[in-house]
């Protein structure tokens, strides 16, 4: 945990996608100090006509290499989130050549009662996870 959804446009090779997944996970581990095996990721690939990502008035010109990361997580401190944004942008630039203008990140927070990792139990509530 966290659960990470990564939306991209069609056309990336499987190796590129794996590098993207690994890089995102590394940033999650470093920024939020989660265990290495705490990895839940889903990639969704879309035809270009299914995605609109304008610039919110910031003057950001995006390309077909757009990556949208949506992280669902327990509550995190502001400093951790800011560290995650910076680590992720830097690591993706280094590992995949992604320009930071092509990265959109959002974090949705929830509580311990909102997670079940299997077997019909809420492991944070039962004490199986802390």
N, C-alpha and C. Protein backbone atom coordinates (compact mmCIF):
# COMPACT_ATOMS: atom_id res chain seq x y z
N UNK A 1 0.87 -1.15 0.00
CA UNK A 1 0.00 0.00 0.00
C UNK A 1 0.91 1.21 0.00
N UNK A 2 0.82 2.16 -0.81
CA UNK A 2 -0.36 2.64 -1.51
C UNK A 2 -0.68 1.86 -2.78
N UNK A 3 -1.88 2.10 -3.26
CA UNK A 3 -2.32 1.56 -4.54
C UNK A 3 -2.07 2.64 -5.58
N UNK A 4 -1.34 2.29 -6.64
CA UNK A 4 -0.94 3.27 -7.64
C UNK A 4 -1.55 2.91 -8.99
N UNK A 5 -2.30 3.86 -9.54
CA UNK A 5 -2.83 3.74 -10.90
C UNK A 5 -2.00 4.63 -11.80
N UNK A 6 -1.56 4.08 -12.91
CA UNK A 6 -0.74 4.84 -13.86
C UNK A 6 -1.45 4.80 -15.21
N UNK A 7 -1.82 5.98 -15.69
CA UNK A 7 -2.48 6.09 -16.99
C UNK A 7 -1.49 6.65 -18.00
N UNK A 8 -1.42 5.97 -19.14
CA UNK A 8 -0.52 6.38 -20.22
C UNK A 8 -1.27 6.29 -21.54
N UNK A 9 -0.69 6.88 -22.56
CA UNK A 9 -1.25 6.77 -23.90
C UNK A 9 -0.68 5.53 -24.56
N UNK A 10 -1.47 4.92 -25.43
CA UNK A 10 -1.05 3.72 -26.16
C UNK A 10 0.29 3.95 -26.87
N UNK A 11 1.05 2.87 -27.01
CA UNK A 11 2.25 2.92 -27.83
C UNK A 11 3.54 2.62 -27.10
N UNK A 12 3.50 2.44 -25.82
CA UNK A 12 4.73 2.13 -25.09
C UNK A 12 5.01 0.64 -25.13
N UNK A 13 6.26 0.30 -25.25
CA UNK A 13 6.70 -1.10 -25.26
C UNK A 13 6.63 -1.66 -23.84
N UNK A 14 6.47 -3.00 -23.72
CA UNK A 14 6.41 -3.61 -22.38
C UNK A 14 7.61 -3.26 -21.50
N UNK A 15 8.79 -3.20 -22.06
CA UNK A 15 9.97 -2.84 -21.27
C UNK A 15 9.90 -1.43 -20.73
N UNK A 16 9.37 -0.50 -21.52
CA UNK A 16 9.19 0.88 -21.06
C UNK A 16 8.21 0.94 -19.90
N UNK A 17 7.14 0.16 -20.03
CA UNK A 17 6.13 0.14 -18.98
C UNK A 17 6.70 -0.44 -17.69
N UNK A 18 7.51 -1.49 -17.81
CA UNK A 18 8.11 -2.08 -16.61
C UNK A 18 9.06 -1.09 -15.93
N UNK A 19 9.82 -0.36 -16.72
CA UNK A 19 10.71 0.66 -16.15
C UNK A 19 9.90 1.75 -15.46
N UNK A 20 8.80 2.14 -16.07
CA UNK A 20 7.91 3.12 -15.46
C UNK A 20 7.39 2.62 -14.12
N UNK A 21 6.92 1.38 -14.07
CA UNK A 21 6.42 0.79 -12.83
C UNK A 21 7.51 0.74 -11.76
N UNK A 22 8.68 0.28 -12.13
CA UNK A 22 9.79 0.18 -11.17
C UNK A 22 10.19 1.54 -10.63
N UNK A 23 10.23 2.54 -11.51
CA UNK A 23 10.63 3.88 -11.11
C UNK A 23 9.61 4.50 -10.17
N UNK A 24 8.33 4.35 -10.49
CA UNK A 24 7.28 4.87 -9.62
C UNK A 24 7.37 4.19 -8.26
N UNK A 25 7.54 2.88 -8.25
CA UNK A 25 7.61 2.17 -6.97
C UNK A 25 8.81 2.64 -6.13
N UNK A 26 9.93 2.83 -6.76
CA UNK A 26 11.11 3.30 -6.05
C UNK A 26 10.85 4.65 -5.39
N UNK A 27 10.17 5.54 -6.09
CA UNK A 27 9.84 6.86 -5.52
C UNK A 27 8.88 6.73 -4.35
N UNK A 28 7.92 5.81 -4.45
CA UNK A 28 6.97 5.57 -3.36
C UNK A 28 7.72 5.08 -2.12
N UNK A 29 8.60 4.11 -2.31
CA UNK A 29 9.37 3.55 -1.19
C UNK A 29 10.22 4.63 -0.52
N UNK A 30 10.90 5.45 -1.33
CA UNK A 30 11.78 6.47 -0.78
C UNK A 30 11.01 7.60 -0.10
N UNK A 31 9.94 8.04 -0.71
CA UNK A 31 9.21 9.20 -0.18
C UNK A 31 8.37 8.86 1.04
N UNK A 32 7.77 7.67 1.03
CA UNK A 32 6.82 7.33 2.08
C UNK A 32 7.35 6.26 3.04
N UNK A 33 8.59 5.81 2.82
CA UNK A 33 9.22 4.83 3.71
C UNK A 33 8.36 3.59 3.88
N UNK A 34 7.86 3.06 2.76
CA UNK A 34 7.09 1.82 2.80
C UNK A 34 8.01 0.65 2.47
N UNK A 35 7.66 -0.56 2.91
CA UNK A 35 8.49 -1.73 2.59
C UNK A 35 8.54 -1.99 1.08
N UNK A 36 9.64 -2.53 0.63
CA UNK A 36 9.84 -2.82 -0.80
C UNK A 36 8.73 -3.70 -1.38
N UNK A 37 8.24 -4.67 -0.60
CA UNK A 37 7.20 -5.58 -1.11
C UNK A 37 5.79 -5.01 -0.96
N UNK A 38 5.69 -3.79 -0.53
CA UNK A 38 4.41 -3.10 -0.41
C UNK A 38 4.14 -2.44 -1.76
N UNK A 39 3.81 -3.27 -2.74
CA UNK A 39 3.73 -2.81 -4.14
C UNK A 39 2.42 -3.24 -4.77
N UNK A 40 1.60 -2.24 -5.10
CA UNK A 40 0.30 -2.46 -5.75
C UNK A 40 0.18 -1.42 -6.85
N UNK A 41 0.26 -1.86 -8.10
CA UNK A 41 0.26 -0.95 -9.24
C UNK A 41 -0.64 -1.48 -10.36
N UNK A 42 -1.31 -0.55 -11.02
CA UNK A 42 -2.15 -0.89 -12.16
C UNK A 42 -1.86 0.11 -13.27
N UNK A 43 -1.51 -0.38 -14.44
CA UNK A 43 -1.29 0.49 -15.59
C UNK A 43 -2.50 0.38 -16.51
N UNK A 44 -2.97 1.55 -16.94
CA UNK A 44 -4.05 1.59 -17.92
C UNK A 44 -3.55 2.39 -19.11
N UNK A 45 -3.67 1.80 -20.29
CA UNK A 45 -3.22 2.44 -21.52
C UNK A 45 -4.43 2.87 -22.32
N UNK A 46 -4.39 4.08 -22.85
CA UNK A 46 -5.54 4.66 -23.54
C UNK A 46 -5.17 5.15 -24.93
N UNK A 47 -6.08 5.06 -25.89
CA UNK A 47 -5.88 5.77 -27.15
C UNK A 47 -5.86 7.27 -26.87
N UNK A 48 -5.11 8.03 -27.64
CA UNK A 48 -4.94 9.46 -27.39
C UNK A 48 -6.27 10.21 -27.32
N UNK A 49 -7.24 9.78 -28.10
CA UNK A 49 -8.52 10.50 -28.11
C UNK A 49 -9.33 10.31 -26.82
N UNK A 50 -8.91 9.41 -25.95
CA UNK A 50 -9.62 9.19 -24.69
C UNK A 50 -9.06 10.01 -23.51
N UNK A 51 -8.00 10.77 -23.75
CA UNK A 51 -7.35 11.51 -22.66
C UNK A 51 -7.22 12.98 -23.04
N UNK A 52 -7.69 13.83 -22.17
CA UNK A 52 -7.47 15.27 -22.29
C UNK A 52 -6.78 15.73 -21.02
N UNK A 53 -5.64 16.37 -21.16
CA UNK A 53 -4.88 16.86 -20.01
C UNK A 53 -4.36 18.25 -20.35
N UNK A 54 -5.17 19.25 -20.06
CA UNK A 54 -4.77 20.61 -20.36
C UNK A 54 -3.85 21.14 -19.27
N UNK A 55 -3.53 22.42 -19.31
CA UNK A 55 -2.47 22.95 -18.46
C UNK A 55 -2.94 23.75 -17.24
N UNK A 56 -4.24 23.83 -16.98
CA UNK A 56 -4.78 24.55 -15.83
C UNK A 56 -4.28 26.00 -15.79
N UNK A 57 -3.97 26.54 -16.96
CA UNK A 57 -3.51 27.92 -17.03
C UNK A 57 -2.04 28.12 -16.67
N UNK A 58 -1.28 27.04 -16.54
CA UNK A 58 0.13 27.13 -16.15
C UNK A 58 1.08 27.23 -17.33
N UNK A 59 0.53 27.11 -18.55
CA UNK A 59 1.38 27.19 -19.74
C UNK A 59 2.20 25.94 -19.98
N UNK A 60 1.72 24.81 -19.52
CA UNK A 60 2.45 23.54 -19.69
C UNK A 60 1.98 22.88 -20.99
N UNK A 61 2.92 22.65 -21.89
CA UNK A 61 2.62 21.95 -23.15
C UNK A 61 2.95 20.48 -22.96
N UNK A 62 1.96 19.63 -23.11
CA UNK A 62 2.16 18.19 -22.90
C UNK A 62 2.38 17.47 -24.22
N UNK A 63 2.98 16.30 -24.14
CA UNK A 63 3.24 15.50 -25.34
C UNK A 63 2.51 14.17 -25.26
N UNK A 64 2.72 13.33 -26.23
CA UNK A 64 2.12 11.99 -26.26
C UNK A 64 2.76 11.06 -25.25
N UNK A 65 3.77 11.52 -24.53
CA UNK A 65 4.42 10.70 -23.50
C UNK A 65 3.80 10.92 -22.13
N UNK A 66 2.66 11.59 -22.07
CA UNK A 66 1.95 11.91 -20.84
C UNK A 66 1.83 10.70 -19.91
N UNK A 67 2.09 10.94 -18.63
CA UNK A 67 1.91 9.93 -17.58
C UNK A 67 1.09 10.58 -16.46
N UNK A 68 -0.01 9.94 -16.10
CA UNK A 68 -0.83 10.41 -14.99
C UNK A 68 -0.76 9.36 -13.89
N UNK A 69 -0.29 9.77 -12.72
CA UNK A 69 -0.15 8.87 -11.58
C UNK A 69 -1.19 9.24 -10.54
N UNK A 70 -2.01 8.27 -10.17
CA UNK A 70 -3.02 8.47 -9.12
C UNK A 70 -2.69 7.49 -8.01
N UNK A 71 -2.33 8.03 -6.87
CA UNK A 71 -1.92 7.23 -5.73
C UNK A 71 -3.03 7.27 -4.68
N UNK A 72 -3.48 6.10 -4.25
CA UNK A 72 -4.48 5.99 -3.18
C UNK A 72 -3.72 5.48 -1.96
N UNK A 73 -3.83 6.21 -0.85
CA UNK A 73 -2.95 5.93 0.27
C UNK A 73 -3.56 6.33 1.60
N UNK A 74 -3.02 5.75 2.66
CA UNK A 74 -3.28 6.28 3.99
C UNK A 74 -2.78 7.71 4.02
N UNK A 75 -3.18 8.46 5.00
CA UNK A 75 -2.78 9.86 5.09
C UNK A 75 -1.26 10.01 5.19
N UNK A 76 -0.76 10.98 4.46
CA UNK A 76 0.68 11.27 4.43
C UNK A 76 0.91 12.73 4.77
N UNK A 77 2.07 13.04 5.29
CA UNK A 77 2.42 14.42 5.62
C UNK A 77 2.70 15.20 4.35
N UNK A 78 2.46 16.50 4.43
CA UNK A 78 2.69 17.37 3.28
C UNK A 78 4.12 17.23 2.75
N UNK A 79 5.10 17.22 3.65
CA UNK A 79 6.50 17.12 3.24
C UNK A 79 6.76 15.82 2.48
N UNK A 80 6.12 14.73 2.90
CA UNK A 80 6.29 13.45 2.19
C UNK A 80 5.72 13.54 0.78
N UNK A 81 4.57 14.17 0.65
CA UNK A 81 3.96 14.32 -0.68
C UNK A 81 4.83 15.17 -1.60
N UNK A 82 5.33 16.28 -1.07
CA UNK A 82 6.19 17.14 -1.88
C UNK A 82 7.47 16.42 -2.27
N UNK A 83 8.01 15.62 -1.35
CA UNK A 83 9.20 14.82 -1.66
C UNK A 83 8.88 13.81 -2.75
N UNK A 84 7.71 13.18 -2.66
CA UNK A 84 7.30 12.21 -3.68
C UNK A 84 7.22 12.86 -5.06
N UNK A 85 6.57 14.00 -5.15
CA UNK A 85 6.44 14.69 -6.44
C UNK A 85 7.82 14.95 -7.05
N UNK A 86 8.73 15.48 -6.24
CA UNK A 86 10.06 15.81 -6.74
C UNK A 86 10.87 14.55 -7.09
N UNK A 87 10.85 13.56 -6.20
CA UNK A 87 11.57 12.32 -6.47
C UNK A 87 11.06 11.65 -7.74
N UNK A 88 9.74 11.60 -7.88
CA UNK A 88 9.15 10.93 -9.03
C UNK A 88 9.52 11.64 -10.33
N UNK A 89 9.39 12.95 -10.36
CA UNK A 89 9.72 13.69 -11.58
C UNK A 89 11.20 13.49 -11.95
N UNK A 90 12.08 13.59 -10.96
CA UNK A 90 13.50 13.41 -11.22
C UNK A 90 13.86 12.01 -11.67
N UNK A 91 13.28 11.02 -11.00
CA UNK A 91 13.58 9.62 -11.34
C UNK A 91 13.04 9.25 -12.71
N UNK A 92 11.83 9.72 -13.03
CA UNK A 92 11.27 9.41 -14.35
C UNK A 92 12.07 10.09 -15.46
N UNK A 93 12.56 11.29 -15.20
CA UNK A 93 13.42 11.96 -16.19
C UNK A 93 14.70 11.15 -16.39
N UNK A 94 15.28 10.70 -15.29
CA UNK A 94 16.54 9.94 -15.36
C UNK A 94 16.33 8.56 -15.99
N UNK A 95 15.33 7.82 -15.52
CA UNK A 95 15.16 6.42 -15.92
C UNK A 95 14.45 6.24 -17.26
N UNK A 96 13.56 7.18 -17.61
CA UNK A 96 12.74 7.00 -18.82
C UNK A 96 12.84 8.16 -19.79
N UNK A 97 13.51 9.23 -19.40
CA UNK A 97 13.59 10.40 -20.26
C UNK A 97 12.32 11.24 -20.27
N UNK A 98 11.41 10.97 -19.33
CA UNK A 98 10.14 11.70 -19.30
C UNK A 98 10.38 13.15 -18.86
N UNK A 99 9.87 14.07 -19.65
CA UNK A 99 9.92 15.48 -19.30
C UNK A 99 8.92 15.73 -18.18
N UNK A 100 9.29 16.48 -17.17
CA UNK A 100 8.42 16.74 -16.02
C UNK A 100 7.10 17.38 -16.42
N UNK A 101 7.05 18.05 -17.56
CA UNK A 101 5.79 18.64 -18.02
C UNK A 101 4.77 17.57 -18.41
N UNK A 102 5.23 16.36 -18.64
CA UNK A 102 4.35 15.26 -19.03
C UNK A 102 3.94 14.38 -17.85
N UNK A 103 4.14 14.86 -16.63
CA UNK A 103 3.79 14.10 -15.44
C UNK A 103 2.72 14.84 -14.64
N UNK A 104 1.61 14.17 -14.42
CA UNK A 104 0.55 14.68 -13.54
C UNK A 104 0.41 13.68 -12.41
N UNK A 105 0.36 14.17 -11.18
CA UNK A 105 0.25 13.30 -10.01
C UNK A 105 -0.89 13.78 -9.13
N UNK A 106 -1.68 12.84 -8.65
CA UNK A 106 -2.70 13.16 -7.66
C UNK A 106 -2.69 12.09 -6.58
N UNK A 107 -2.98 12.50 -5.37
CA UNK A 107 -3.02 11.57 -4.23
C UNK A 107 -4.39 11.66 -3.59
N UNK A 108 -5.02 10.51 -3.41
CA UNK A 108 -6.29 10.41 -2.70
C UNK A 108 -6.02 9.67 -1.41
N UNK A 109 -6.37 10.30 -0.29
CA UNK A 109 -6.12 9.68 1.01
C UNK A 109 -7.37 9.00 1.56
N UNK A 110 -7.13 7.96 2.32
CA UNK A 110 -8.21 7.27 3.02
C UNK A 110 -7.68 6.74 4.34
N UNK A 111 -8.53 6.01 5.08
CA UNK A 111 -8.15 5.54 6.41
C UNK A 111 -7.96 4.04 6.47
N UNK A 112 -7.56 3.58 7.64
CA UNK A 112 -7.29 2.16 7.84
C UNK A 112 -8.49 1.28 7.54
N UNK A 113 -9.68 1.76 7.82
CA UNK A 113 -10.90 0.97 7.59
C UNK A 113 -11.21 0.81 6.10
N UNK A 114 -10.47 1.51 5.24
CA UNK A 114 -10.74 1.49 3.80
C UNK A 114 -9.91 0.47 3.04
N UNK A 115 -9.17 -0.39 3.75
CA UNK A 115 -8.28 -1.33 3.09
C UNK A 115 -8.57 -2.77 3.52
N UNK A 116 -8.63 -3.65 2.54
CA UNK A 116 -8.60 -5.10 2.76
C UNK A 116 -7.64 -5.67 1.74
N UNK A 117 -6.64 -6.38 2.19
CA UNK A 117 -5.62 -6.95 1.31
C UNK A 117 -5.90 -8.40 0.97
N UNK A 118 -7.10 -8.86 1.31
CA UNK A 118 -7.49 -10.23 0.99
C UNK A 118 -8.10 -10.93 2.17
N UNK A 119 -8.69 -12.06 1.91
CA UNK A 119 -9.29 -12.94 2.90
C UNK A 119 -10.45 -12.30 3.65
N UNK A 120 -11.03 -11.24 3.07
CA UNK A 120 -12.21 -10.64 3.66
C UNK A 120 -11.98 -9.95 4.99
N UNK A 121 -10.73 -9.51 5.24
CA UNK A 121 -10.42 -8.85 6.51
C UNK A 121 -9.82 -7.46 6.26
N UNK A 122 -10.01 -6.59 7.19
CA UNK A 122 -9.40 -5.26 7.17
C UNK A 122 -8.13 -5.34 8.02
N UNK A 123 -7.03 -5.69 7.40
CA UNK A 123 -5.80 -6.04 8.13
C UNK A 123 -5.24 -4.91 8.99
N UNK A 124 -5.46 -3.65 8.62
CA UNK A 124 -5.03 -2.57 9.49
C UNK A 124 -5.85 -2.53 10.77
N UNK A 125 -7.12 -2.90 10.67
CA UNK A 125 -8.00 -2.88 11.85
C UNK A 125 -7.80 -4.10 12.73
N UNK A 126 -7.50 -5.26 12.10
CA UNK A 126 -7.31 -6.48 12.87
C UNK A 126 -5.95 -6.56 13.54
N UNK A 127 -5.04 -5.70 13.14
CA UNK A 127 -3.69 -5.72 13.70
C UNK A 127 -2.72 -6.57 12.91
N UNK A 128 -3.18 -7.20 11.83
CA UNK A 128 -2.27 -7.99 10.99
C UNK A 128 -1.24 -7.11 10.31
N UNK A 129 -1.60 -5.85 10.06
CA UNK A 129 -0.69 -4.85 9.50
C UNK A 129 -0.74 -3.62 10.40
N UNK A 130 0.34 -2.88 10.40
CA UNK A 130 0.36 -1.65 11.20
C UNK A 130 0.64 -0.45 10.32
